[in-house]
Amino acid sequence: MSGPENGSKKRVLVLDDEPNVVKYLETLLQDNGYDTVSAANGKEGMETAKTAKPDLVCLDITMPEQSGIRFYRNLKEDPDLAATPVVVVTAVTGTGGDPEPFRRFLSTRKQIPAPEAFFSKPIDQKEFLDTVANILS
């Protein structure tokens, strides 16, 4: 847990229904200087986003309760959270791990922008961390 002394740490919300994936991403992010909070579904994720005010959301697409797609749209439609960057990390990217169909699907509504980045599981750690660092710089 970070106290007031690490107030400058960037906070990342890890949203995934697989506990091992959450643990993996939280450990990876924490080991690289980020503060993390997590949620197991979209409904819990919105509540956490509203209270924790993350600097970035790491989002899985397929989850119970509320899908990642619905969470993403709700986030982008919330005036207080709309500017929060999102990195999608998912196993569901279609054939050959091509994220393009999902990228297009997520931004089908004109007022909703595409996510800042898209990663297929298993992720490339270095590329993931470089992308997070670039988005948060």
N, C-alpha and C. Protein backbone atom coordinates (compact mmCIF):
# COMPACT_ATOMS: atom_id res chain seq x y z
N MET A 1 0.83 -1.19 0.00
CA MET A 1 0.00 0.00 0.00
C MET A 1 0.87 1.24 0.00
N SER A 2 0.42 2.24 -0.71
CA SER A 2 1.21 3.47 -0.71
C SER A 2 0.59 4.45 0.28
N GLY A 3 1.43 5.14 0.97
CA GLY A 3 0.96 6.16 1.90
C GLY A 3 1.13 7.51 1.25
N PRO A 4 0.91 8.56 2.02
CA PRO A 4 1.04 9.90 1.47
C PRO A 4 2.44 10.18 0.91
N GLU A 5 3.45 9.47 1.45
CA GLU A 5 4.80 9.72 0.99
C GLU A 5 5.01 9.31 -0.47
N ASN A 6 4.19 8.41 -1.00
CA ASN A 6 4.33 8.09 -2.41
C ASN A 6 3.16 8.67 -3.20
N GLY A 7 2.75 9.84 -2.86
CA GLY A 7 1.64 10.47 -3.55
C GLY A 7 1.90 10.70 -5.02
N SER A 8 3.18 10.70 -5.42
CA SER A 8 3.50 10.97 -6.82
C SER A 8 3.38 9.72 -7.69
N LYS A 9 3.19 8.57 -7.06
CA LYS A 9 3.06 7.33 -7.83
C LYS A 9 1.79 7.38 -8.68
N LYS A 10 1.90 6.90 -9.90
CA LYS A 10 0.72 6.80 -10.77
C LYS A 10 -0.07 5.57 -10.36
N ARG A 11 -1.40 5.70 -10.33
CA ARG A 11 -2.27 4.61 -9.90
C ARG A 11 -2.91 3.94 -11.12
N VAL A 12 -2.83 2.61 -11.15
CA VAL A 12 -3.41 1.83 -12.24
C VAL A 12 -4.50 0.92 -11.68
N LEU A 13 -5.68 0.98 -12.28
CA LEU A 13 -6.78 0.07 -11.94
C LEU A 13 -6.66 -1.15 -12.84
N VAL A 14 -6.47 -2.33 -12.24
CA VAL A 14 -6.39 -3.59 -12.99
C VAL A 14 -7.75 -4.26 -12.89
N LEU A 15 -8.39 -4.42 -14.03
CA LEU A 15 -9.76 -4.94 -14.08
C LEU A 15 -9.78 -6.24 -14.86
N ASP A 16 -9.89 -7.37 -14.14
CA ASP A 16 -9.88 -8.69 -14.77
C ASP A 16 -10.56 -9.67 -13.82
N ASP A 17 -11.32 -10.61 -14.35
CA ASP A 17 -12.03 -11.57 -13.50
C ASP A 17 -11.16 -12.77 -13.13
N GLU A 18 -9.94 -12.87 -13.67
CA GLU A 18 -9.05 -13.98 -13.33
C GLU A 18 -8.06 -13.50 -12.28
N PRO A 19 -8.20 -14.01 -11.02
CA PRO A 19 -7.33 -13.56 -9.94
C PRO A 19 -5.84 -13.67 -10.24
N ASN A 20 -5.44 -14.73 -10.96
CA ASN A 20 -4.01 -14.90 -11.26
C ASN A 20 -3.51 -13.82 -12.22
N VAL A 21 -4.37 -13.37 -13.14
CA VAL A 21 -4.00 -12.30 -14.07
C VAL A 21 -3.89 -10.98 -13.31
N VAL A 22 -4.84 -10.73 -12.41
CA VAL A 22 -4.81 -9.51 -11.59
C VAL A 22 -3.50 -9.48 -10.80
N LYS A 23 -3.18 -10.59 -10.13
CA LYS A 23 -1.98 -10.68 -9.30
C LYS A 23 -0.73 -10.44 -10.16
N TYR A 24 -0.70 -11.07 -11.31
CA TYR A 24 0.44 -10.93 -12.23
C TYR A 24 0.63 -9.47 -12.65
N LEU A 25 -0.44 -8.84 -13.12
CA LEU A 25 -0.34 -7.45 -13.59
C LEU A 25 -0.05 -6.48 -12.44
N GLU A 26 -0.69 -6.71 -11.28
CA GLU A 26 -0.42 -5.84 -10.13
C GLU A 26 1.05 -5.94 -9.70
N THR A 27 1.57 -7.16 -9.65
CA THR A 27 2.97 -7.37 -9.26
C THR A 27 3.90 -6.70 -10.26
N LEU A 28 3.64 -6.90 -11.54
CA LEU A 28 4.45 -6.30 -12.60
C LEU A 28 4.44 -4.77 -12.48
N LEU A 29 3.27 -4.20 -12.29
CA LEU A 29 3.15 -2.74 -12.18
C LEU A 29 3.79 -2.21 -10.89
N GLN A 30 3.52 -2.88 -9.78
CA GLN A 30 4.09 -2.45 -8.49
C GLN A 30 5.61 -2.54 -8.51
N ASP A 31 6.15 -3.61 -9.10
CA ASP A 31 7.60 -3.78 -9.19
C ASP A 31 8.24 -2.68 -10.03
N ASN A 32 7.42 -2.00 -10.83
CA ASN A 32 7.93 -0.95 -11.70
C ASN A 32 7.47 0.44 -11.25
N GLY A 33 7.10 0.54 -9.97
CA GLY A 33 6.86 1.85 -9.38
C GLY A 33 5.45 2.40 -9.45
N TYR A 34 4.49 1.56 -9.80
CA TYR A 34 3.10 2.03 -9.87
C TYR A 34 2.32 1.57 -8.65
N ASP A 35 1.32 2.35 -8.30
CA ASP A 35 0.37 1.99 -7.25
C ASP A 35 -0.79 1.30 -7.99
N THR A 36 -1.37 0.25 -7.42
CA THR A 36 -2.46 -0.44 -8.11
C THR A 36 -3.68 -0.62 -7.22
N VAL A 37 -4.82 -0.67 -7.87
CA VAL A 37 -6.08 -1.08 -7.26
C VAL A 37 -6.68 -2.07 -8.26
N SER A 38 -7.58 -2.93 -7.79
CA SER A 38 -8.13 -3.92 -8.73
C SER A 38 -9.62 -4.14 -8.52
N ALA A 39 -10.22 -4.73 -9.54
CA ALA A 39 -11.64 -5.10 -9.49
C ALA A 39 -11.82 -6.33 -10.36
N ALA A 40 -12.83 -7.15 -10.02
CA ALA A 40 -13.03 -8.42 -10.72
C ALA A 40 -14.12 -8.37 -11.79
N ASN A 41 -14.88 -7.26 -11.85
CA ASN A 41 -15.90 -7.14 -12.89
C ASN A 41 -16.17 -5.65 -13.17
N GLY A 42 -16.92 -5.41 -14.22
CA GLY A 42 -17.16 -4.03 -14.65
C GLY A 42 -17.90 -3.18 -13.65
N LYS A 43 -18.85 -3.79 -12.94
CA LYS A 43 -19.64 -3.05 -11.95
C LYS A 43 -18.73 -2.58 -10.81
N GLU A 44 -17.96 -3.53 -10.27
CA GLU A 44 -17.01 -3.22 -9.21
C GLU A 44 -15.94 -2.25 -9.73
N GLY A 45 -15.57 -2.42 -11.00
CA GLY A 45 -14.56 -1.56 -11.63
C GLY A 45 -14.99 -0.11 -11.67
N MET A 46 -16.27 0.14 -11.99
CA MET A 46 -16.76 1.52 -12.04
C MET A 46 -16.74 2.14 -10.64
N GLU A 47 -17.15 1.36 -9.64
CA GLU A 47 -17.13 1.86 -8.26
C GLU A 47 -15.70 2.20 -7.85
N THR A 48 -14.77 1.30 -8.17
CA THR A 48 -13.37 1.51 -7.83
C THR A 48 -12.81 2.72 -8.58
N ALA A 49 -13.14 2.85 -9.86
CA ALA A 49 -12.65 3.98 -10.66
C ALA A 49 -13.13 5.31 -10.07
N LYS A 50 -14.38 5.32 -9.61
CA LYS A 50 -14.93 6.56 -9.05
C LYS A 50 -14.27 6.94 -7.73
N THR A 51 -13.91 5.95 -6.92
CA THR A 51 -13.30 6.26 -5.62
C THR A 51 -11.79 6.39 -5.70
N ALA A 52 -11.13 5.53 -6.49
CA ALA A 52 -9.66 5.52 -6.54
C ALA A 52 -9.09 6.52 -7.54
N LYS A 53 -9.91 6.98 -8.49
CA LYS A 53 -9.46 7.92 -9.52
C LYS A 53 -8.12 7.50 -10.13
N PRO A 54 -8.10 6.33 -10.82
CA PRO A 54 -6.83 5.85 -11.37
C PRO A 54 -6.31 6.75 -12.50
N ASP A 55 -5.00 6.71 -12.71
CA ASP A 55 -4.38 7.46 -13.80
C ASP A 55 -4.49 6.67 -15.10
N LEU A 56 -4.75 5.35 -14.97
CA LEU A 56 -4.85 4.49 -16.13
C LEU A 56 -5.65 3.25 -15.73
N VAL A 57 -6.40 2.68 -16.68
CA VAL A 57 -7.13 1.43 -16.43
C VAL A 57 -6.57 0.36 -17.35
N CYS A 58 -6.28 -0.80 -16.76
CA CYS A 58 -5.84 -1.97 -17.50
C CYS A 58 -7.06 -2.90 -17.52
N LEU A 59 -7.65 -3.10 -18.70
CA LEU A 59 -8.98 -3.70 -18.81
C LEU A 59 -9.04 -5.00 -19.59
N ASP A 60 -9.69 -6.00 -18.98
CA ASP A 60 -10.01 -7.25 -19.69
C ASP A 60 -11.37 -7.06 -20.34
N ILE A 61 -11.62 -7.73 -21.45
CA ILE A 61 -12.89 -7.58 -22.16
C ILE A 61 -13.97 -8.52 -21.64
N THR A 62 -13.63 -9.80 -21.45
CA THR A 62 -14.64 -10.79 -21.06
C THR A 62 -14.65 -10.98 -19.55
N MET A 63 -15.73 -10.49 -18.92
CA MET A 63 -15.88 -10.61 -17.46
C MET A 63 -17.36 -10.81 -17.13
N PRO A 64 -17.64 -11.43 -15.97
CA PRO A 64 -19.02 -11.57 -15.54
C PRO A 64 -19.56 -10.23 -15.04
N GLU A 65 -20.83 -10.19 -14.67
CA GLU A 65 -21.48 -8.99 -14.13
C GLU A 65 -21.63 -7.92 -15.18
N GLN A 66 -20.52 -7.40 -15.62
CA GLN A 66 -20.58 -6.35 -16.63
C GLN A 66 -19.35 -6.53 -17.50
N SER A 67 -19.53 -6.61 -18.80
CA SER A 67 -18.40 -6.87 -19.68
C SER A 67 -17.43 -5.70 -19.70
N GLY A 68 -16.22 -5.98 -20.15
CA GLY A 68 -15.22 -4.94 -20.29
C GLY A 68 -15.66 -3.87 -21.28
N ILE A 69 -16.40 -4.29 -22.31
CA ILE A 69 -16.87 -3.34 -23.31
C ILE A 69 -17.87 -2.37 -22.68
N ARG A 70 -18.79 -2.87 -21.89
CA ARG A 70 -19.75 -2.00 -21.22
C ARG A 70 -19.04 -1.08 -20.23
N PHE A 71 -18.08 -1.64 -19.47
CA PHE A 71 -17.30 -0.82 -18.54
C PHE A 71 -16.62 0.31 -19.30
N TYR A 72 -15.98 -0.03 -20.41
CA TYR A 72 -15.25 0.95 -21.21
C TYR A 72 -16.19 2.09 -21.67
N ARG A 73 -17.34 1.71 -22.18
CA ARG A 73 -18.29 2.73 -22.64
C ARG A 73 -18.79 3.58 -21.48
N ASN A 74 -19.08 2.95 -20.33
CA ASN A 74 -19.53 3.70 -19.15
C ASN A 74 -18.45 4.66 -18.68
N LEU A 75 -17.20 4.19 -18.69
CA LEU A 75 -16.08 5.03 -18.27
C LEU A 75 -15.98 6.26 -19.18
N LYS A 76 -16.04 6.03 -20.48
CA LYS A 76 -15.87 7.11 -21.45
C LYS A 76 -17.07 8.05 -21.48
N GLU A 77 -18.21 7.61 -20.95
CA GLU A 77 -19.40 8.47 -20.91
C GLU A 77 -19.52 9.21 -19.58
N ASP A 78 -18.64 8.90 -18.61
CA ASP A 78 -18.66 9.56 -17.31
C ASP A 78 -17.75 10.80 -17.39
N PRO A 79 -18.33 12.01 -17.20
CA PRO A 79 -17.53 13.23 -17.34
C PRO A 79 -16.29 13.27 -16.44
N ASP A 80 -16.37 12.66 -15.24
CA ASP A 80 -15.24 12.68 -14.33
C ASP A 80 -14.15 11.67 -14.70
N LEU A 81 -14.50 10.65 -15.48
CA LEU A 81 -13.56 9.57 -15.77
C LEU A 81 -13.19 9.45 -17.26
N ALA A 82 -13.90 10.18 -18.10
CA ALA A 82 -13.74 10.02 -19.56
C ALA A 82 -12.30 10.20 -20.05
N ALA A 83 -11.54 11.04 -19.37
CA ALA A 83 -10.16 11.30 -19.82
C ALA A 83 -9.17 10.21 -19.37
N THR A 84 -9.64 9.26 -18.55
CA THR A 84 -8.75 8.21 -18.05
C THR A 84 -8.32 7.30 -19.21
N PRO A 85 -7.00 7.18 -19.44
CA PRO A 85 -6.55 6.28 -20.52
C PRO A 85 -6.80 4.81 -20.18
N VAL A 86 -7.03 4.01 -21.21
CA VAL A 86 -7.32 2.58 -21.03
C VAL A 86 -6.40 1.74 -21.89
N VAL A 87 -5.82 0.71 -21.27
CA VAL A 87 -5.03 -0.29 -21.98
C VAL A 87 -5.82 -1.59 -21.87
N VAL A 88 -6.24 -2.13 -23.00
CA VAL A 88 -6.99 -3.39 -23.01
C VAL A 88 -5.99 -4.55 -23.03
N VAL A 89 -6.16 -5.48 -22.08
CA VAL A 89 -5.33 -6.69 -22.02
C VAL A 89 -6.32 -7.85 -22.02
N THR A 90 -6.35 -8.61 -23.12
CA THR A 90 -7.36 -9.65 -23.23
C THR A 90 -6.88 -10.85 -24.02
N ALA A 91 -7.47 -11.99 -23.72
CA ALA A 91 -7.18 -13.21 -24.49
C ALA A 91 -8.08 -13.28 -25.71
N VAL A 92 -9.15 -12.49 -25.70
CA VAL A 92 -10.13 -12.55 -26.78
C VAL A 92 -9.84 -11.48 -27.82
N THR A 93 -9.00 -11.82 -28.78
CA THR A 93 -8.70 -10.82 -29.80
C THR A 93 -8.96 -11.35 -31.20
N GLY A 94 -9.66 -12.45 -31.28
CA GLY A 94 -9.95 -12.97 -32.61
C GLY A 94 -8.77 -13.80 -33.12
N THR A 95 -8.85 -14.17 -34.39
CA THR A 95 -7.84 -15.06 -34.97
C THR A 95 -6.47 -14.43 -35.00
N GLY A 96 -5.50 -15.23 -34.62
CA GLY A 96 -4.11 -14.80 -34.67
C GLY A 96 -3.79 -13.68 -33.71
N GLY A 97 -4.66 -13.46 -32.73
CA GLY A 97 -4.39 -12.42 -31.76
C GLY A 97 -4.47 -11.02 -32.34
N ASP A 98 -5.19 -10.86 -33.45
CA ASP A 98 -5.30 -9.54 -34.06
C ASP A 98 -6.31 -8.68 -33.30
N PRO A 99 -5.86 -7.59 -32.70
CA PRO A 99 -6.76 -6.76 -31.90
C PRO A 99 -7.67 -5.86 -32.74
N GLU A 100 -7.43 -5.75 -34.03
CA GLU A 100 -8.15 -4.78 -34.86
C GLU A 100 -9.68 -4.91 -34.80
N PRO A 101 -10.26 -6.13 -34.90
CA PRO A 101 -11.72 -6.23 -34.82
C PRO A 101 -12.26 -5.66 -33.51
N PHE A 102 -11.56 -5.91 -32.39
CA PHE A 102 -12.01 -5.39 -31.11
C PHE A 102 -11.85 -3.89 -31.03
N ARG A 103 -10.75 -3.39 -31.57
CA ARG A 103 -10.52 -1.96 -31.57
C ARG A 103 -11.67 -1.27 -32.30
N ARG A 104 -12.04 -1.82 -33.46
CA ARG A 104 -13.14 -1.24 -34.24
C ARG A 104 -14.46 -1.35 -33.48
N PHE A 105 -14.69 -2.51 -32.86
CA PHE A 105 -15.94 -2.73 -32.13
C PHE A 105 -16.10 -1.76 -30.97
N LEU A 106 -15.01 -1.54 -30.21
CA LEU A 106 -15.07 -0.66 -29.06
C LEU A 106 -15.37 0.78 -29.44
N SER A 107 -14.96 1.17 -30.63
CA SER A 107 -15.16 2.56 -31.01
C SER A 107 -16.27 2.72 -32.05
N THR A 108 -17.24 1.78 -32.06
CA THR A 108 -18.33 1.90 -33.01
C THR A 108 -19.22 3.11 -32.73
N ARG A 109 -19.35 3.46 -31.44
CA ARG A 109 -20.11 4.67 -31.14
C ARG A 109 -19.20 5.86 -31.40
N LYS A 110 -19.69 6.79 -32.19
CA LYS A 110 -18.87 7.93 -32.61
C LYS A 110 -18.25 8.70 -31.46
N GLN A 111 -18.99 8.88 -30.36
CA GLN A 111 -18.47 9.71 -29.27
C GLN A 111 -17.47 8.97 -28.39
N ILE A 112 -17.25 7.68 -28.66
CA ILE A 112 -16.35 6.90 -27.81
C ILE A 112 -15.05 6.61 -28.55
N PRO A 113 -13.93 7.15 -28.03
CA PRO A 113 -12.64 6.94 -28.69
C PRO A 113 -12.14 5.51 -28.48
N ALA A 114 -11.20 5.11 -29.30
CA ALA A 114 -10.57 3.78 -29.15
C ALA A 114 -9.66 3.80 -27.93
N PRO A 115 -9.40 2.62 -27.33
CA PRO A 115 -8.46 2.56 -26.20
C PRO A 115 -7.07 3.04 -26.63
N GLU A 116 -6.29 3.46 -25.65
CA GLU A 116 -4.93 3.95 -25.94
C GLU A 116 -4.02 2.83 -26.43
N ALA A 117 -4.24 1.60 -25.94
CA ALA A 117 -3.40 0.48 -26.36
C ALA A 117 -4.16 -0.82 -26.20
N PHE A 118 -3.66 -1.85 -26.87
CA PHE A 118 -4.32 -3.15 -26.90
C PHE A 118 -3.27 -4.24 -26.82
N PHE A 119 -3.39 -5.14 -25.84
CA PHE A 119 -2.44 -6.25 -25.70
C PHE A 119 -3.17 -7.57 -25.65
N SER A 120 -2.61 -8.57 -26.34
CA SER A 120 -3.13 -9.93 -26.25
C SER A 120 -2.41 -10.65 -25.13
N LYS A 121 -3.16 -11.50 -24.38
CA LYS A 121 -2.54 -12.36 -23.38
C LYS A 121 -1.93 -13.55 -24.10
N PRO A 122 -0.77 -14.03 -23.70
CA PRO A 122 0.10 -13.45 -22.68
C PRO A 122 0.78 -12.19 -23.22
N ILE A 123 0.96 -11.20 -22.35
CA ILE A 123 1.52 -9.93 -22.80
C ILE A 123 3.04 -9.98 -22.88
N ASP A 124 3.58 -9.09 -23.70
CA ASP A 124 5.02 -8.86 -23.73
C ASP A 124 5.28 -7.84 -22.63
N GLN A 125 5.95 -8.26 -21.55
CA GLN A 125 6.15 -7.40 -20.37
C GLN A 125 6.80 -6.07 -20.71
N LYS A 126 7.88 -6.12 -21.47
CA LYS A 126 8.61 -4.88 -21.77
C LYS A 126 7.73 -3.92 -22.58
N GLU A 127 7.09 -4.45 -23.60
CA GLU A 127 6.23 -3.61 -24.45
C GLU A 127 5.08 -3.02 -23.63
N PHE A 128 4.50 -3.84 -22.76
CA PHE A 128 3.42 -3.39 -21.89
C PHE A 128 3.89 -2.24 -20.99
N LEU A 129 5.01 -2.45 -20.29
CA LEU A 129 5.53 -1.43 -19.38
C LEU A 129 5.94 -0.16 -20.12
N ASP A 130 6.55 -0.31 -21.30
CA ASP A 130 6.91 0.87 -22.10
C ASP A 130 5.67 1.65 -22.50
N THR A 131 4.62 0.93 -22.89
CA THR A 131 3.37 1.58 -23.30
C THR A 131 2.74 2.31 -22.13
N VAL A 132 2.66 1.66 -20.97
CA VAL A 132 2.10 2.28 -19.76
C VAL A 132 2.89 3.54 -19.42
N ALA A 133 4.23 3.43 -19.44
CA ALA A 133 5.09 4.58 -19.13
C ALA A 133 4.86 5.74 -20.09
N ASN A 134 4.73 5.42 -21.38
CA ASN A 134 4.49 6.46 -22.38
C ASN A 134 3.16 7.15 -22.18
N ILE A 135 2.12 6.37 -21.90
CA ILE A 135 0.80 6.94 -21.70
C ILE A 135 0.78 7.84 -20.47
N LEU A 136 1.47 7.43 -19.41
CA LEU A 136 1.44 8.16 -18.15
C LEU A 136 2.50 9.25 -18.02
N SER A 137 3.35 9.40 -19.05
CA SER A 137 4.40 10.41 -18.95
C SER A 137 3.89 11.81 -19.25
